[in-house]
N, C-alpha and C. Protein backbone atom coordinates (compact mmCIF):
# COMPACT_ATOMS: atom_id res chain seq x y z
N MET A 1 -11.95 1.33 -15.73
CA MET A 1 -10.82 1.59 -15.07
C MET A 1 -10.83 0.62 -13.70
N THR A 2 -11.74 -0.01 -13.47
CA THR A 2 -11.70 -0.99 -12.47
C THR A 2 -10.99 -2.25 -12.97
N TRP A 3 -11.30 -2.63 -14.16
CA TRP A 3 -10.55 -3.65 -14.51
C TRP A 3 -8.87 -3.69 -14.68
N LEU A 4 -8.43 -2.24 -15.08
CA LEU A 4 -7.17 -2.07 -14.96
C LEU A 4 -6.46 -1.98 -13.76
N TYR A 5 -7.30 -1.63 -12.97
CA TYR A 5 -6.95 -1.75 -11.38
C TYR A 5 -6.92 -3.26 -10.78
N ILE A 6 -7.73 -3.87 -11.16
CA ILE A 6 -7.72 -5.38 -10.69
C ILE A 6 -6.53 -6.10 -11.57
N ILE A 7 -6.22 -5.77 -12.70
CA ILE A 7 -5.36 -6.41 -13.29
C ILE A 7 -4.05 -5.87 -12.70
N SER A 8 -3.86 -4.89 -12.52
CA SER A 8 -2.49 -4.43 -11.77
C SER A 8 -2.46 -4.80 -10.47
N LYS A 9 -3.31 -5.22 -9.98
CA LYS A 9 -3.35 -5.67 -8.48
C LYS A 9 -2.88 -7.20 -8.60
N PHE A 10 -3.37 -7.85 -9.40
CA PHE A 10 -2.89 -9.40 -9.72
C PHE A 10 -1.48 -9.41 -10.16
N ILE A 11 -1.08 -8.40 -10.76
CA ILE A 11 0.33 -8.41 -11.23
C ILE A 11 1.40 -8.36 -10.23
N VAL A 12 1.01 -7.35 -9.38
CA VAL A 12 1.64 -7.25 -7.83
C VAL A 12 1.07 -7.73 -6.93
N PHE A 13 0.66 -9.01 -7.00
CA PHE A 13 0.11 -9.75 -6.02
C PHE A 13 0.75 -10.03 -4.84
N PRO A 14 2.14 -10.20 -4.64
CA PRO A 14 2.73 -9.97 -3.48
C PRO A 14 2.58 -8.94 -2.26
N GLY A 15 2.37 -7.59 -3.02
CA GLY A 15 2.09 -6.53 -2.29
C GLY A 15 0.77 -6.45 -1.97
N ALA A 16 -0.21 -6.68 -2.64
CA ALA A 16 -1.53 -6.60 -2.66
C ALA A 16 -2.08 -7.69 -1.70
N TYR A 17 -1.64 -8.75 -1.76
CA TYR A 17 -1.87 -9.80 -0.61
C TYR A 17 -1.21 -9.33 0.66
N LEU A 18 -0.03 -8.85 0.86
CA LEU A 18 0.62 -8.62 2.29
C LEU A 18 -0.24 -7.10 2.85
N ARG A 19 -0.52 -6.10 1.66
CA ARG A 19 -1.28 -5.23 2.19
C ARG A 19 -2.58 -5.52 2.81
N GLY A 20 -3.43 -6.51 2.09
CA GLY A 20 -4.54 -7.14 2.98
C GLY A 20 -4.50 -7.72 4.24
N PHE A 21 -3.44 -8.51 4.21
CA PHE A 21 -2.97 -9.16 5.62
C PHE A 21 -2.67 -8.15 6.66
N TRP A 22 -2.05 -7.06 6.31
CA TRP A 22 -1.66 -5.74 7.16
C TRP A 22 -3.22 -5.38 7.60
N GLU A 23 -3.88 -4.99 6.67
CA GLU A 23 -5.17 -4.45 6.95
C GLU A 23 -5.83 -5.57 7.91
N HIS A 24 -5.95 -6.54 7.84
CA HIS A 24 -6.83 -7.71 8.53
C HIS A 24 -6.21 -7.54 9.79
N LEU A 25 -4.75 -7.73 10.15
CA LEU A 25 -4.15 -7.52 11.34
C LEU A 25 -4.55 -6.20 12.02
N THR A 26 -4.79 -5.11 11.19
CA THR A 26 -4.96 -3.76 12.00
C THR A 26 -6.56 -3.97 12.40
N CYS A 27 -7.44 -4.32 11.58
CA CYS A 27 -8.73 -4.87 12.09
C CYS A 27 -8.75 -5.61 13.18
N LYS A 28 -8.01 -6.73 13.09
CA LYS A 28 -8.03 -7.47 14.65
C LYS A 28 -7.65 -6.84 15.63
N LEU A 29 -6.59 -5.82 15.80
CA LEU A 29 -6.13 -5.18 16.75
C LEU A 29 -7.23 -4.10 17.26
N LEU A 30 -8.07 -3.57 16.35
CA LEU A 30 -8.96 -2.34 16.63
C LEU A 30 -10.36 -2.89 16.91
N LYS A 31 -10.12 -4.23 16.62
CA LYS A 31 -11.61 -5.05 16.99
C LYS A 31 -12.60 -4.72 16.12
N LEU A 32 -12.23 -4.29 14.63
CA LEU A 32 -13.26 -4.09 13.64
C LEU A 32 -13.68 -5.27 13.12
N PRO A 33 -15.01 -5.56 12.90
CA PRO A 33 -15.61 -7.00 12.23
C PRO A 33 -14.92 -6.74 10.77
N VAL A 34 -14.46 -7.99 10.36
CA VAL A 34 -13.74 -8.07 9.07
C VAL A 34 -14.76 -9.00 8.22
N GLU A 35 -15.05 -8.92 6.75
CA GLU A 35 -16.20 -9.69 6.25
C GLU A 35 -15.05 -10.93 5.62
N PRO A 36 -15.41 -12.13 5.41
CA PRO A 36 -14.54 -13.11 4.94
C PRO A 36 -14.77 -12.83 3.48
N GLY A 37 -13.72 -13.23 2.40
CA GLY A 37 -13.67 -12.89 1.24
C GLY A 37 -12.36 -13.16 0.75
N GLY A 38 -11.31 -13.17 1.50
CA GLY A 38 -9.99 -13.07 0.84
C GLY A 38 -9.37 -11.77 0.54
N TYR A 39 -8.06 -11.67 0.45
CA TYR A 39 -7.50 -10.36 0.09
C TYR A 39 -7.60 -9.93 -1.55
N LEU A 40 -7.67 -11.12 -2.43
CA LEU A 40 -7.59 -10.74 -3.79
C LEU A 40 -8.91 -11.15 -4.57
N ARG A 41 -9.87 -10.15 -4.47
CA ARG A 41 -11.00 -10.37 -5.07
C ARG A 41 -11.08 -9.43 -6.31
N MET A 42 -12.20 -10.24 -7.39
CA MET A 42 -12.27 -9.46 -8.49
C MET A 42 -13.21 -8.21 -8.29
N ASP A 43 -12.82 -7.23 -7.46
CA ASP A 43 -13.77 -5.89 -7.57
C ASP A 43 -12.90 -4.56 -7.02
N GLU A 44 -13.30 -3.77 -6.92
CA GLU A 44 -12.50 -2.34 -6.55
C GLU A 44 -11.68 -2.68 -5.21
N ALA A 45 -12.01 -3.57 -4.48
CA ALA A 45 -11.45 -3.66 -3.15
C ALA A 45 -10.20 -4.91 -3.36
N CYS A 46 -9.86 -5.12 -4.20
CA CYS A 46 -8.84 -6.34 -4.67
C CYS A 46 -7.43 -5.53 -3.94
N GLY A 47 -6.89 -6.54 -3.05
CA GLY A 47 -5.95 -6.22 -2.08
C GLY A 47 -6.24 -5.69 -0.67
N HIS A 48 -7.21 -5.60 -0.43
CA HIS A 48 -8.07 -5.04 0.75
C HIS A 48 -8.94 -5.74 1.55
N VAL A 49 -9.33 -5.52 2.42
CA VAL A 49 -10.15 -6.48 3.15
C VAL A 49 -11.41 -5.42 3.55
N GLU A 50 -12.80 -6.19 3.43
CA GLU A 50 -13.92 -5.47 3.74
C GLU A 50 -13.99 -5.21 5.37
N HIS A 51 -14.02 -4.38 5.78
CA HIS A 51 -14.27 -4.04 7.10
C HIS A 51 -15.19 -3.04 7.60
N SER A 52 -15.85 -3.11 8.52
CA SER A 52 -16.49 -1.80 9.05
C SER A 52 -15.66 -0.57 9.26
N LEU A 53 -16.04 0.58 9.20
CA LEU A 53 -15.33 1.74 9.35
C LEU A 53 -15.00 2.14 10.80
N ALA A 54 -13.89 2.73 10.96
CA ALA A 54 -13.65 2.92 12.58
C ALA A 54 -14.29 4.08 13.22
N ARG A 55 -14.66 4.31 14.23
CA ARG A 55 -15.58 5.35 14.83
C ARG A 55 -14.73 6.30 15.83
N LYS A 56 -13.54 6.13 16.00
CA LYS A 56 -12.85 6.79 16.82
C LYS A 56 -11.74 7.49 15.78
N GLN A 57 -11.25 8.66 16.22
CA GLN A 57 -10.16 9.40 15.41
C GLN A 57 -9.10 8.37 15.07
N PHE A 58 -8.21 8.44 16.10
CA PHE A 58 -7.17 7.44 16.40
C PHE A 58 -7.14 6.01 15.51
N ALA A 59 -8.36 5.18 15.51
CA ALA A 59 -8.57 4.12 15.00
C ALA A 59 -8.78 4.11 13.37
N ALA A 60 -9.33 5.55 12.94
CA ALA A 60 -9.41 5.84 11.64
C ALA A 60 -7.94 6.10 11.32
N PHE A 61 -7.19 6.84 11.80
CA PHE A 61 -5.87 7.34 11.35
C PHE A 61 -4.99 6.01 11.15
N LEU A 62 -5.07 5.15 12.25
CA LEU A 62 -4.25 3.88 12.00
C LEU A 62 -4.80 2.89 11.05
N MET A 63 -6.21 2.99 10.80
CA MET A 63 -6.61 2.01 9.64
C MET A 63 -6.26 2.67 8.28
N ALA A 64 -6.01 4.03 8.15
CA ALA A 64 -5.83 4.38 6.80
C ALA A 64 -4.15 4.28 6.72
N THR A 65 -3.56 4.72 7.64
CA THR A 65 -2.15 4.54 7.58
C THR A 65 -1.40 3.39 7.85
N GLY A 66 -1.52 2.81 8.78
CA GLY A 66 -0.97 1.55 9.47
C GLY A 66 -0.54 0.52 8.48
N PRO A 67 -1.38 -0.03 7.71
CA PRO A 67 -1.14 -0.86 6.83
C PRO A 67 -0.17 -0.60 5.64
N GLY A 68 -0.42 0.72 5.29
CA GLY A 68 0.77 1.15 4.13
C GLY A 68 2.05 1.40 4.63
N PHE A 69 1.91 2.09 5.85
CA PHE A 69 3.40 2.23 6.55
C PHE A 69 4.39 0.64 6.44
N MET A 70 3.20 -0.41 6.73
CA MET A 70 4.38 -1.47 7.02
C MET A 70 4.86 -2.10 5.87
N ASN A 71 3.73 -1.68 4.49
CA ASN A 71 4.29 -1.93 3.28
C ASN A 71 5.32 -1.32 2.79
N PHE A 72 5.29 -0.15 3.26
CA PHE A 72 6.39 0.95 2.91
C PHE A 72 7.71 0.26 3.49
N ILE A 73 7.93 0.13 4.95
CA ILE A 73 8.95 -0.44 5.53
C ILE A 73 9.55 -1.74 5.03
N THR A 74 8.82 -2.65 4.94
CA THR A 74 9.10 -4.07 4.10
C THR A 74 9.29 -3.89 2.91
N GLY A 75 8.74 -3.11 2.10
CA GLY A 75 9.01 -3.14 0.42
C GLY A 75 10.27 -2.38 0.09
N LEU A 76 10.60 -1.22 1.09
CA LEU A 76 11.73 -0.24 0.74
C LEU A 76 12.96 -1.05 1.09
N PHE A 77 13.09 -1.83 2.14
CA PHE A 77 14.42 -2.59 2.13
C PHE A 77 14.62 -3.60 0.98
N ILE A 78 13.60 -4.26 0.99
CA ILE A 78 13.47 -5.53 -0.27
C ILE A 78 13.86 -4.89 -1.47
N PHE A 79 13.22 -3.79 -2.10
CA PHE A 79 13.56 -3.09 -3.29
C PHE A 79 14.74 -2.75 -3.21
N LEU A 80 15.34 -2.12 -2.16
CA LEU A 80 16.82 -1.34 -2.46
C LEU A 80 17.70 -2.46 -2.37
N TRP A 81 17.45 -3.56 -1.78
CA TRP A 81 18.62 -4.86 -1.47
C TRP A 81 18.67 -5.17 -2.97
N GLY A 82 17.77 -5.51 -3.81
CA GLY A 82 17.68 -5.99 -5.22
C GLY A 82 18.16 -4.93 -6.16
N PHE A 83 17.78 -3.53 -6.13
CA PHE A 83 18.02 -2.73 -7.00
C PHE A 83 19.32 -2.37 -6.91
N ILE A 84 20.02 -2.06 -5.45
CA ILE A 84 21.29 -1.81 -5.62
C ILE A 84 22.42 -2.68 -6.06
N ASN A 85 21.86 -4.09 -5.82
CA ASN A 85 23.00 -4.94 -6.21
C ASN A 85 22.78 -5.12 -7.89
N LEU A 86 21.59 -4.77 -8.36
CA LEU A 86 21.80 -4.96 -9.68
C LEU A 86 22.14 -3.85 -10.64
N LYS A 87 21.70 -2.47 -9.79
CA LYS A 87 21.79 -1.54 -10.97
C LYS A 87 23.46 -0.95 -10.48
N TYR A 88 23.72 -0.73 -9.24
CA TYR A 88 24.94 -0.17 -8.77
C TYR A 88 26.13 -1.10 -8.70
N MET A 89 25.83 -2.28 -8.34
CA MET A 89 26.91 -3.09 -8.07
C MET A 89 27.23 -4.02 -9.31
N GLY A 90 26.29 -3.99 -10.30
CA GLY A 90 26.36 -4.37 -11.53
C GLY A 90 26.45 -5.98 -11.48
N MET A 91 25.48 -6.53 -10.78
CA MET A 91 25.27 -7.98 -10.59
C MET A 91 24.64 -8.36 -11.96
N THR A 92 25.08 -9.54 -12.95
CA THR A 92 24.57 -9.85 -13.95
C THR A 92 24.24 -11.27 -13.91
N PHE A 93 23.50 -11.72 -14.80
CA PHE A 93 23.20 -13.13 -14.96
C PHE A 93 24.49 -13.96 -14.97
N TYR A 94 25.68 -13.58 -15.66
CA TYR A 94 26.67 -14.17 -15.81
C TYR A 94 27.39 -14.19 -14.44
N ASP A 95 27.36 -13.37 -13.62
CA ASP A 95 28.17 -13.38 -12.44
C ASP A 95 27.47 -14.58 -11.58
N SER A 96 26.44 -14.46 -11.44
CA SER A 96 25.93 -15.52 -10.25
C SER A 96 24.14 -15.72 -10.55
N VAL A 97 24.15 -16.91 -11.02
CA VAL A 97 22.86 -17.13 -11.89
C VAL A 97 21.63 -17.09 -10.44
N PRO A 98 22.11 -17.65 -9.26
CA PRO A 98 21.07 -17.77 -8.35
C PRO A 98 20.78 -16.45 -7.42
N LEU A 99 22.27 -15.64 -7.39
CA LEU A 99 22.20 -14.27 -6.85
C LEU A 99 21.25 -13.16 -7.83
N PHE A 100 21.37 -13.45 -9.02
CA PHE A 100 20.63 -12.54 -10.15
C PHE A 100 19.34 -12.74 -9.96
N ILE A 101 18.94 -14.19 -9.66
CA ILE A 101 17.35 -14.19 -9.93
C ILE A 101 16.77 -13.85 -8.52
N LEU A 102 17.58 -13.86 -7.56
CA LEU A 102 17.14 -13.63 -5.96
C LEU A 102 17.04 -11.97 -5.99
N TYR A 103 17.97 -11.25 -6.69
CA TYR A 103 17.95 -9.70 -6.63
C TYR A 103 16.92 -9.57 -7.55
N VAL A 104 16.48 -10.05 -8.58
CA VAL A 104 15.37 -9.71 -9.75
C VAL A 104 13.91 -9.98 -8.94
N LEU A 105 13.98 -10.86 -8.08
CA LEU A 105 12.90 -11.15 -7.18
C LEU A 105 12.79 -10.18 -5.98
N CYS A 106 14.00 -9.71 -5.49
CA CYS A 106 13.73 -8.72 -4.60
C CYS A 106 13.23 -7.37 -5.08
N VAL A 107 13.83 -6.94 -6.24
CA VAL A 107 13.03 -5.78 -7.07
C VAL A 107 11.46 -5.96 -7.16
N TYR A 108 11.20 -7.16 -7.86
CA TYR A 108 9.75 -7.37 -8.33
C TYR A 108 9.11 -7.25 -6.64
N VAL A 109 9.39 -8.08 -5.35
CA VAL A 109 8.56 -8.00 -4.83
C VAL A 109 8.42 -6.67 -3.78
N GLY A 110 9.63 -6.13 -3.85
CA GLY A 110 9.97 -4.83 -3.27
C GLY A 110 8.88 -3.82 -3.88
N ALA A 111 9.09 -3.75 -5.27
CA ALA A 111 8.24 -2.69 -5.89
C ALA A 111 6.96 -3.31 -5.99
N SER A 112 6.57 -4.43 -5.77
CA SER A 112 4.81 -4.69 -5.66
C SER A 112 4.51 -4.30 -4.32
N LEU A 113 5.35 -4.28 -3.40
CA LEU A 113 4.97 -3.92 -1.92
C LEU A 113 4.81 -2.11 -2.12
N LEU A 114 5.72 -1.63 -2.78
CA LEU A 114 5.49 -0.23 -2.75
C LEU A 114 4.35 0.32 -3.57
N CYS A 115 3.97 -0.41 -4.56
CA CYS A 115 2.91 -0.17 -5.30
C CYS A 115 1.34 -0.31 -4.72
N CYS A 116 1.59 -0.83 -3.57
CA CYS A 116 0.18 -1.14 -2.51
C CYS A 116 0.26 -0.36 -1.48
N LEU A 117 0.66 0.97 -1.19
CA LEU A 117 0.76 1.45 -0.13
C LEU A 117 -0.35 2.12 0.43
N PHE A 118 -1.46 2.54 -0.38
CA PHE A 118 -2.50 3.18 0.17
C PHE A 118 -3.76 2.65 0.25
N PRO A 119 -4.48 2.97 1.04
CA PRO A 119 -6.19 2.48 1.46
C PRO A 119 -6.93 2.92 0.42
N LEU A 120 -8.23 2.21 0.57
CA LEU A 120 -9.36 2.68 0.04
C LEU A 120 -9.71 4.04 0.28
N THR A 121 -10.35 4.52 -0.69
CA THR A 121 -10.73 6.04 -0.53
C THR A 121 -11.62 5.86 0.75
N GLU A 122 -12.41 4.88 1.11
CA GLU A 122 -13.45 5.01 2.01
C GLU A 122 -12.89 4.99 3.47
N ASP A 123 -11.71 4.54 3.22
CA ASP A 123 -10.94 4.61 4.90
C ASP A 123 -10.35 6.13 5.30
N VAL A 124 -9.94 6.65 3.91
CA VAL A 124 -9.26 8.09 4.11
C VAL A 124 -10.39 9.17 4.28
N LEU A 125 -11.56 8.97 3.75
CA LEU A 125 -12.77 9.83 3.87
C LEU A 125 -13.33 9.54 5.02
N ASN A 126 -13.17 8.52 5.66
CA ASN A 126 -13.71 8.29 6.99
C ASN A 126 -13.06 9.06 7.94
N TYR A 127 -11.81 9.11 7.93
CA TYR A 127 -10.74 9.75 8.79
C TYR A 127 -10.99 11.23 8.69
N TRP A 128 -11.30 11.78 7.56
CA TRP A 128 -11.60 13.24 7.11
C TRP A 128 -12.81 13.60 7.77
N SER A 129 -13.94 12.88 7.66
CA SER A 129 -15.07 13.20 8.26
C SER A 129 -15.05 13.22 9.92
N ILE A 130 -14.10 12.45 10.40
CA ILE A 130 -14.04 12.10 11.81
C ILE A 130 -13.27 13.50 12.47
N ALA A 131 -12.16 13.76 11.54
CA ALA A 131 -11.30 14.80 12.32
C ALA A 131 -11.44 16.21 11.69
N TYR A 132 -12.15 16.38 10.52
CA TYR A 132 -12.20 17.66 9.89
C TYR A 132 -13.37 18.15 9.77
N THR A 133 -14.67 17.44 10.52
CA THR A 133 -15.92 18.13 10.38
C THR A 133 -16.24 18.63 11.93
N LYS A 134 -17.27 18.92 12.07
CA LYS A 134 -17.87 19.47 13.26
C LYS A 134 -18.13 18.38 14.17
N ASN A 135 -17.52 17.88 14.49
CA ASN A 135 -17.30 16.55 15.37
C ASN A 135 -17.09 16.67 17.04
N PRO A 136 -18.03 16.88 17.88
CA PRO A 136 -17.73 16.97 19.19
C PRO A 136 -16.47 15.93 19.75
N LYS A 137 -16.35 14.81 19.23
CA LYS A 137 -15.41 13.95 19.71
C LYS A 137 -13.88 14.36 19.03
N ARG A 138 -13.67 14.69 18.16
CA ARG A 138 -12.43 15.08 17.38
C ARG A 138 -11.36 15.73 18.53
N LYS A 139 -10.27 15.08 18.26
CA LYS A 139 -9.24 15.63 18.91
C LYS A 139 -8.34 16.68 18.08
N ILE A 140 -8.25 17.96 18.73
CA ILE A 140 -7.71 19.01 17.54
C ILE A 140 -6.04 18.74 17.52
N ILE A 141 -5.29 18.21 18.45
CA ILE A 141 -4.12 17.81 18.42
C ILE A 141 -3.85 16.81 17.09
N GLY A 142 -4.59 15.75 17.39
CA GLY A 142 -4.57 14.78 16.43
C GLY A 142 -4.99 15.07 14.94
N SER A 143 -5.80 15.92 14.92
CA SER A 143 -6.15 16.41 13.62
C SER A 143 -5.02 17.39 12.85
N ILE A 144 -4.42 18.23 13.92
CA ILE A 144 -3.30 18.86 13.52
C ILE A 144 -2.07 18.30 12.63
N LEU A 145 -1.74 17.18 13.85
CA LEU A 145 -0.65 16.25 13.50
C LEU A 145 -0.71 15.57 12.45
N GLY A 146 -2.00 14.96 12.36
CA GLY A 146 -2.52 14.05 11.12
C GLY A 146 -2.74 14.87 9.83
N PHE A 147 -2.63 15.92 9.75
CA PHE A 147 -2.90 16.49 8.44
C PHE A 147 -2.29 16.29 7.31
N ILE A 148 -0.96 16.33 7.47
CA ILE A 148 0.06 16.07 6.30
C ILE A 148 0.15 14.75 5.66
N PRO A 149 0.18 13.77 6.97
CA PRO A 149 0.21 12.48 6.58
C PRO A 149 -1.07 11.56 5.86
N MET A 150 -2.34 12.69 6.37
CA MET A 150 -3.58 11.91 5.66
C MET A 150 -3.79 12.67 4.35
N LEU A 151 -3.35 13.96 4.21
CA LEU A 151 -3.37 14.54 2.86
C LEU A 151 -2.69 13.71 1.83
N LEU A 152 -1.46 13.35 2.08
CA LEU A 152 -0.54 12.41 1.35
C LEU A 152 -1.10 11.10 1.22
N THR A 153 -1.96 10.47 1.95
CA THR A 153 -2.81 9.36 2.17
C THR A 153 -3.88 9.63 1.06
N ARG A 154 -4.46 10.51 1.17
CA ARG A 154 -5.70 10.98 0.23
C ARG A 154 -5.28 11.16 -1.35
N ILE A 155 -4.25 11.62 -1.46
CA ILE A 155 -3.72 11.99 -2.80
C ILE A 155 -3.34 10.49 -3.42
N GLY A 156 -2.67 9.66 -2.59
CA GLY A 156 -2.06 8.60 -2.98
C GLY A 156 -3.42 7.42 -3.10
N ALA A 157 -4.31 7.53 -2.23
CA ALA A 157 -5.49 6.60 -2.57
C ALA A 157 -5.98 6.95 -3.93
N PHE A 158 -6.20 8.31 -4.25
CA PHE A 158 -7.08 8.58 -5.60
C PHE A 158 -6.05 8.21 -6.71
N LEU A 159 -4.75 8.25 -6.62
CA LEU A 159 -4.01 7.87 -7.52
C LEU A 159 -3.62 6.40 -7.76
N GLU A 160 -4.09 5.90 -6.71
CA GLU A 160 -3.81 4.09 -6.57
C GLU A 160 -5.15 3.62 -7.21
N LYS A 161 -6.25 4.17 -7.03
CA LYS A 161 -7.31 3.80 -7.76
C LYS A 161 -7.35 4.07 -8.95
N TYR A 162 -6.78 4.94 -9.71
CA TYR A 162 -6.60 4.74 -10.98
C TYR A 162 -5.48 4.46 -11.71
N CYS A 163 -4.68 3.55 -10.91
CA CYS A 163 -3.46 2.95 -11.37
C CYS A 163 -2.29 3.87 -11.79
N VAL A 164 -2.09 5.29 -11.27
CA VAL A 164 -1.14 6.07 -11.75
C VAL A 164 0.00 5.58 -11.11
N ILE A 165 -0.07 5.00 -9.67
CA ILE A 165 1.25 4.45 -8.87
C ILE A 165 1.89 3.42 -9.77
N PHE A 166 0.89 2.67 -10.23
CA PHE A 166 1.71 1.30 -10.98
C PHE A 166 2.23 1.62 -12.03
N VAL A 167 1.57 2.41 -12.90
CA VAL A 167 2.28 2.82 -14.13
C VAL A 167 3.62 3.54 -14.04
N LEU A 168 3.74 4.52 -13.03
CA LEU A 168 4.96 5.26 -12.47
C LEU A 168 6.04 4.27 -12.05
N TRP A 169 5.63 3.19 -11.37
CA TRP A 169 6.78 2.40 -10.85
C TRP A 169 7.27 1.55 -11.99
N VAL A 170 6.34 0.83 -13.10
CA VAL A 170 6.85 0.62 -14.20
C VAL A 170 7.52 1.31 -15.00
N ALA A 171 7.36 2.44 -15.25
CA ALA A 171 8.12 3.69 -16.09
C ALA A 171 9.27 3.68 -15.42
N PHE A 172 9.27 3.66 -14.11
CA PHE A 172 10.69 3.79 -13.37
C PHE A 172 11.39 2.72 -13.33
N LEU A 173 11.31 1.79 -13.34
CA LEU A 173 11.75 0.51 -13.35
C LEU A 173 12.52 0.12 -14.77
N ILE A 174 11.59 0.58 -15.71
CA ILE A 174 12.15 0.29 -17.27
C ILE A 174 13.05 1.58 -17.55
N TRP A 175 12.94 2.90 -17.17
CA TRP A 175 13.76 3.72 -17.16
C TRP A 175 15.22 3.43 -16.44
N GLN A 176 15.28 2.89 -15.15
CA GLN A 176 16.49 2.61 -14.46
C GLN A 176 17.08 1.38 -15.12
N MET A 177 16.50 0.20 -15.74
CA MET A 177 17.37 -0.70 -15.79
C MET A 177 17.83 -0.87 -17.31
N ILE A 178 17.29 0.01 -18.04
CA ILE A 178 17.85 0.31 -19.67
C ILE A 178 19.34 0.78 -19.49
């Protein structure tokens, strides 16, 4: 299953690389040490950066959700721009070759960003251990407000680990473009 994950991350390399960049930026903002090695590696952390785990609740929440949120915002607009023009505006290759190529690239880049929304399961489990165990430093309000986003992130991280999200995006694009 790891090889399928690595292959899918290399297929959607713009999203995986940008996700790694957002994680690296978040680590620098939180002053978490980052190991060198690049964003696209041949292991289960492909598209992510190796970093130490956050020790505070908000830092762990931001590390688990912030980079994915940035990928979501960026990818949603790029994907919709290309998808709407191709699907609903009816742009074809014969209308304008450069615009058609641009819109196909927008769909690819946007979908690749949307395939790489979720963190490694280590980051999600780190937040869960800080916020939902008998930890004297946990913030009750933060635990309540962060429950739904972190539940979705935990499910998404599990699905992304087994390439379900990639397969669903490929199936969606094939279904819509036929």
